[in-house]
Amino acid sequence: MPPPFWCALNGPPMPPWVLHDLRRTARSLMSRAGISSDVGERVLGHVISGVRGVYDRHAYLDEKRDAVERLAGVVERVLNPPGGNLVELRPAG
């Protein structure tokens, strides 16, 4: 744990995470962006099981490209929220 003065300046430390957390977050954000489950799973490299996975050999390149572009848009809005409806909070005093 960092010293208290570090936390006062920088906030609490980020909890530990692993690369799989990024995949989980990407999949969740793709759902938020309205990406179909099948395309989202294919973007992550998951194999579609059952009869669909055996018979559907389409590469879904256009659909995956669209999904990644829409994911990038969601990430952009998370990192840089649009202005206009935000009010800056300032400390009292």
N, C-alpha and C. Protein backbone atom coordinates (compact mmCIF):
# COMPACT_ATOMS: atom_id res chain seq x y z
N MET A 1 0.85 -1.18 0.00
CA MET A 1 0.00 0.00 0.00
C MET A 1 0.90 1.24 0.00
N PRO A 2 0.61 2.19 -0.89
CA PRO A 2 1.42 3.41 -0.92
C PRO A 2 1.18 4.26 0.33
N PRO A 3 2.09 5.16 0.61
CA PRO A 3 1.92 6.02 1.79
C PRO A 3 0.69 6.91 1.65
N PRO A 4 0.13 7.37 2.77
CA PRO A 4 -1.10 8.18 2.74
C PRO A 4 -0.97 9.43 1.87
N PHE A 5 0.19 10.10 1.88
CA PHE A 5 0.30 11.33 1.08
C PHE A 5 0.17 11.01 -0.41
N TRP A 6 0.64 9.82 -0.84
CA TRP A 6 0.52 9.43 -2.25
C TRP A 6 -0.95 9.26 -2.61
N CYS A 7 -1.69 8.60 -1.73
CA CYS A 7 -3.13 8.40 -1.97
C CYS A 7 -3.87 9.72 -1.98
N ALA A 8 -3.46 10.66 -1.14
CA ALA A 8 -4.12 11.96 -1.10
C ALA A 8 -3.92 12.70 -2.42
N LEU A 9 -2.77 12.56 -3.03
CA LEU A 9 -2.48 13.24 -4.29
C LEU A 9 -3.02 12.49 -5.50
N ASN A 10 -2.98 11.18 -5.47
CA ASN A 10 -3.27 10.38 -6.66
C ASN A 10 -4.51 9.51 -6.55
N GLY A 11 -5.12 9.45 -5.41
CA GLY A 11 -6.25 8.54 -5.21
C GLY A 11 -5.75 7.16 -4.82
N PRO A 12 -6.66 6.27 -4.50
CA PRO A 12 -6.24 4.93 -4.08
C PRO A 12 -5.62 4.17 -5.26
N PRO A 13 -4.74 3.24 -4.96
CA PRO A 13 -4.11 2.47 -6.04
C PRO A 13 -5.14 1.60 -6.76
N MET A 14 -4.89 1.33 -8.04
CA MET A 14 -5.79 0.50 -8.81
C MET A 14 -5.67 -0.94 -8.33
N PRO A 15 -6.80 -1.63 -8.19
CA PRO A 15 -6.71 -3.03 -7.78
C PRO A 15 -5.98 -3.86 -8.83
N PRO A 16 -5.40 -4.98 -8.44
CA PRO A 16 -4.68 -5.80 -9.40
C PRO A 16 -5.61 -6.30 -10.51
N TRP A 17 -5.08 -6.46 -11.71
CA TRP A 17 -5.87 -6.97 -12.83
C TRP A 17 -4.98 -7.83 -13.71
N VAL A 18 -5.62 -8.61 -14.58
CA VAL A 18 -4.91 -9.47 -15.52
C VAL A 18 -5.43 -9.18 -16.93
N LEU A 19 -4.71 -9.64 -17.95
CA LEU A 19 -5.10 -9.37 -19.33
C LEU A 19 -6.51 -9.86 -19.64
N HIS A 20 -6.94 -10.94 -19.03
CA HIS A 20 -8.29 -11.46 -19.28
C HIS A 20 -9.35 -10.43 -18.89
N ASP A 21 -9.05 -9.58 -17.91
CA ASP A 21 -9.99 -8.52 -17.54
C ASP A 21 -10.24 -7.57 -18.70
N LEU A 22 -9.23 -7.31 -19.53
CA LEU A 22 -9.42 -6.46 -20.70
C LEU A 22 -10.34 -7.12 -21.72
N ARG A 23 -10.20 -8.42 -21.92
CA ARG A 23 -11.09 -9.16 -22.83
C ARG A 23 -12.53 -9.11 -22.31
N ARG A 24 -12.70 -9.31 -21.02
CA ARG A 24 -14.04 -9.28 -20.42
C ARG A 24 -14.65 -7.89 -20.59
N THR A 25 -13.86 -6.87 -20.35
CA THR A 25 -14.35 -5.50 -20.48
C THR A 25 -14.71 -5.21 -21.94
N ALA A 26 -13.86 -5.63 -22.87
CA ALA A 26 -14.15 -5.42 -24.29
C ALA A 26 -15.45 -6.10 -24.68
N ARG A 27 -15.65 -7.31 -24.23
CA ARG A 27 -16.88 -8.05 -24.57
C ARG A 27 -18.10 -7.34 -23.99
N SER A 28 -18.00 -6.86 -22.76
CA SER A 28 -19.11 -6.13 -22.13
C SER A 28 -19.40 -4.84 -22.87
N LEU A 29 -18.36 -4.13 -23.27
CA LEU A 29 -18.56 -2.88 -24.01
C LEU A 29 -19.13 -3.14 -25.40
N MET A 30 -18.78 -4.28 -26.01
CA MET A 30 -19.39 -4.61 -27.30
C MET A 30 -20.89 -4.85 -27.13
N SER A 31 -21.29 -5.47 -26.04
CA SER A 31 -22.73 -5.63 -25.78
C SER A 31 -23.39 -4.27 -25.61
N ARG A 32 -22.73 -3.37 -24.89
CA ARG A 32 -23.26 -2.01 -24.71
C ARG A 32 -23.42 -1.31 -26.06
N ALA A 33 -22.51 -1.59 -27.00
CA ALA A 33 -22.53 -0.96 -28.32
C ALA A 33 -23.54 -1.63 -29.25
N GLY A 34 -24.21 -2.68 -28.79
CA GLY A 34 -25.22 -3.34 -29.61
C GLY A 34 -24.67 -4.38 -30.56
N ILE A 35 -23.46 -4.86 -30.32
CA ILE A 35 -22.86 -5.89 -31.17
C ILE A 35 -23.52 -7.22 -30.83
N SER A 36 -23.87 -7.99 -31.86
CA SER A 36 -24.50 -9.29 -31.61
C SER A 36 -23.54 -10.21 -30.86
N SER A 37 -24.11 -11.14 -30.14
CA SER A 37 -23.29 -12.08 -29.36
C SER A 37 -22.35 -12.87 -30.25
N ASP A 38 -22.85 -13.35 -31.39
CA ASP A 38 -22.01 -14.15 -32.27
C ASP A 38 -20.81 -13.36 -32.77
N VAL A 39 -21.03 -12.13 -33.19
CA VAL A 39 -19.92 -11.32 -33.70
C VAL A 39 -18.97 -10.98 -32.56
N GLY A 40 -19.49 -10.61 -31.41
CA GLY A 40 -18.63 -10.30 -30.27
C GLY A 40 -17.74 -11.47 -29.88
N GLU A 41 -18.29 -12.67 -29.89
CA GLU A 41 -17.50 -13.85 -29.56
C GLU A 41 -16.44 -14.10 -30.62
N ARG A 42 -16.77 -13.89 -31.87
CA ARG A 42 -15.79 -14.08 -32.95
C ARG A 42 -14.68 -13.04 -32.88
N VAL A 43 -15.00 -11.81 -32.50
CA VAL A 43 -13.96 -10.79 -32.33
C VAL A 43 -12.94 -11.25 -31.29
N LEU A 44 -13.41 -11.90 -30.25
CA LEU A 44 -12.51 -12.38 -29.19
C LEU A 44 -11.79 -13.67 -29.58
N GLY A 45 -12.13 -14.21 -30.75
CA GLY A 45 -11.47 -15.44 -31.20
C GLY A 45 -12.11 -16.70 -30.66
N HIS A 46 -13.31 -16.59 -30.09
CA HIS A 46 -13.99 -17.78 -29.59
C HIS A 46 -14.61 -18.55 -30.75
N VAL A 47 -14.65 -19.85 -30.62
CA VAL A 47 -15.25 -20.73 -31.63
C VAL A 47 -16.73 -20.87 -31.30
N ILE A 48 -17.57 -20.72 -32.31
CA ILE A 48 -19.01 -20.93 -32.13
C ILE A 48 -19.25 -22.43 -32.18
N SER A 49 -19.91 -22.94 -31.16
CA SER A 49 -20.08 -24.38 -31.05
C SER A 49 -21.35 -24.85 -31.74
N GLY A 50 -21.48 -26.13 -31.81
CA GLY A 50 -22.69 -26.76 -32.34
C GLY A 50 -22.76 -26.72 -33.85
N VAL A 51 -23.96 -26.91 -34.36
CA VAL A 51 -24.18 -26.98 -35.79
C VAL A 51 -23.78 -25.68 -36.48
N ARG A 52 -24.08 -24.54 -35.86
CA ARG A 52 -23.71 -23.26 -36.47
C ARG A 52 -22.21 -23.16 -36.66
N GLY A 53 -21.45 -23.59 -35.69
CA GLY A 53 -20.00 -23.53 -35.80
C GLY A 53 -19.45 -24.47 -36.86
N VAL A 54 -20.14 -25.58 -37.09
CA VAL A 54 -19.69 -26.55 -38.09
C VAL A 54 -20.02 -26.07 -39.49
N TYR A 55 -21.23 -25.57 -39.70
CA TYR A 55 -21.68 -25.26 -41.06
C TYR A 55 -21.46 -23.82 -41.48
N ASP A 56 -21.40 -22.90 -40.55
CA ASP A 56 -21.22 -21.49 -40.91
C ASP A 56 -19.74 -21.18 -41.01
N ARG A 57 -19.22 -21.12 -42.22
CA ARG A 57 -17.79 -20.90 -42.44
C ARG A 57 -17.49 -19.47 -42.90
N HIS A 58 -18.48 -18.60 -42.85
CA HIS A 58 -18.27 -17.20 -43.23
C HIS A 58 -17.24 -16.59 -42.27
N ALA A 59 -16.33 -15.76 -42.78
CA ALA A 59 -15.26 -15.18 -41.96
C ALA A 59 -15.72 -14.00 -41.11
N TYR A 60 -16.85 -13.37 -41.47
CA TYR A 60 -17.40 -12.25 -40.70
C TYR A 60 -16.43 -11.08 -40.60
N LEU A 61 -15.58 -10.88 -41.60
CA LEU A 61 -14.58 -9.81 -41.52
C LEU A 61 -15.22 -8.43 -41.45
N ASP A 62 -16.20 -8.15 -42.29
CA ASP A 62 -16.86 -6.84 -42.25
C ASP A 62 -17.57 -6.61 -40.92
N GLU A 63 -18.23 -7.65 -40.43
CA GLU A 63 -18.95 -7.54 -39.16
C GLU A 63 -17.98 -7.34 -38.00
N LYS A 64 -16.85 -8.04 -38.02
CA LYS A 64 -15.87 -7.88 -36.94
C LYS A 64 -15.20 -6.51 -37.02
N ARG A 65 -14.94 -6.03 -38.22
CA ARG A 65 -14.36 -4.69 -38.38
C ARG A 65 -15.32 -3.64 -37.81
N ASP A 66 -16.60 -3.75 -38.15
CA ASP A 66 -17.60 -2.83 -37.62
C ASP A 66 -17.66 -2.91 -36.09
N ALA A 67 -17.60 -4.13 -35.55
CA ALA A 67 -17.66 -4.31 -34.10
C ALA A 67 -16.48 -3.62 -33.41
N VAL A 68 -15.29 -3.78 -33.96
CA VAL A 68 -14.10 -3.17 -33.35
C VAL A 68 -14.17 -1.65 -33.45
N GLU A 69 -14.67 -1.13 -34.57
CA GLU A 69 -14.82 0.32 -34.71
C GLU A 69 -15.85 0.85 -33.71
N ARG A 70 -16.94 0.14 -33.53
CA ARG A 70 -17.94 0.57 -32.55
C ARG A 70 -17.40 0.47 -31.12
N LEU A 71 -16.63 -0.58 -30.85
CA LEU A 71 -15.98 -0.71 -29.54
C LEU A 71 -15.05 0.47 -29.30
N ALA A 72 -14.27 0.84 -30.31
CA ALA A 72 -13.36 1.99 -30.18
C ALA A 72 -14.15 3.26 -29.87
N GLY A 73 -15.32 3.42 -30.47
CA GLY A 73 -16.16 4.58 -30.18
C GLY A 73 -16.63 4.62 -28.74
N VAL A 74 -17.01 3.46 -28.21
CA VAL A 74 -17.44 3.40 -26.81
C VAL A 74 -16.27 3.73 -25.89
N VAL A 75 -15.11 3.16 -26.16
CA VAL A 75 -13.93 3.44 -25.34
C VAL A 75 -13.59 4.93 -25.40
N GLU A 76 -13.67 5.52 -26.59
CA GLU A 76 -13.40 6.95 -26.74
C GLU A 76 -14.35 7.79 -25.88
N ARG A 77 -15.63 7.42 -25.86
CA ARG A 77 -16.61 8.18 -25.05
C ARG A 77 -16.38 7.97 -23.56
N VAL A 78 -15.90 6.79 -23.17
CA VAL A 78 -15.58 6.56 -21.75
C VAL A 78 -14.40 7.42 -21.33
N LEU A 79 -13.36 7.45 -22.18
CA LEU A 79 -12.15 8.19 -21.84
C LEU A 79 -12.32 9.70 -22.00
N ASN A 80 -13.13 10.13 -22.96
CA ASN A 80 -13.33 11.55 -23.25
C ASN A 80 -14.83 11.82 -23.38
N PRO A 81 -15.52 11.90 -22.24
CA PRO A 81 -16.97 12.10 -22.31
C PRO A 81 -17.32 13.40 -23.03
N PRO A 82 -18.41 13.37 -23.78
CA PRO A 82 -18.81 14.60 -24.47
C PRO A 82 -19.18 15.67 -23.46
N GLY A 83 -18.88 16.91 -23.79
CA GLY A 83 -19.20 18.03 -22.90
C GLY A 83 -20.65 18.43 -23.04
N GLY A 84 -21.01 19.46 -22.34
CA GLY A 84 -22.36 19.99 -22.45
C GLY A 84 -23.28 19.61 -21.31
N ASN A 85 -23.23 18.36 -20.89
CA ASN A 85 -24.14 17.95 -19.83
C ASN A 85 -23.38 17.62 -18.54
N LEU A 86 -22.13 18.04 -18.46
CA LEU A 86 -21.33 17.78 -17.27
C LEU A 86 -21.12 19.07 -16.49
N VAL A 87 -21.17 18.97 -15.20
CA VAL A 87 -20.93 20.11 -14.33
C VAL A 87 -19.69 19.81 -13.51
N GLU A 88 -18.71 20.70 -13.57
CA GLU A 88 -17.49 20.52 -12.81
C GLU A 88 -17.75 20.80 -11.34
N LEU A 89 -17.34 19.88 -10.50
CA LEU A 89 -17.49 20.05 -9.05
C LEU A 89 -16.20 20.63 -8.50
N ARG A 90 -16.35 21.66 -7.71
CA ARG A 90 -15.19 22.31 -7.11
C ARG A 90 -15.29 22.20 -5.59
N PRO A 91 -14.15 22.13 -4.92
CA PRO A 91 -14.19 22.07 -3.46
C PRO A 91 -14.78 23.34 -2.87
N ALA A 92 -15.50 23.20 -1.80
CA ALA A 92 -16.07 24.36 -1.11
C ALA A 92 -14.95 25.19 -0.48
N GLY A 93 -15.17 26.47 -0.48
CA GLY A 93 -14.17 27.28 0.23
C GLY A 93 -13.71 28.43 -0.47
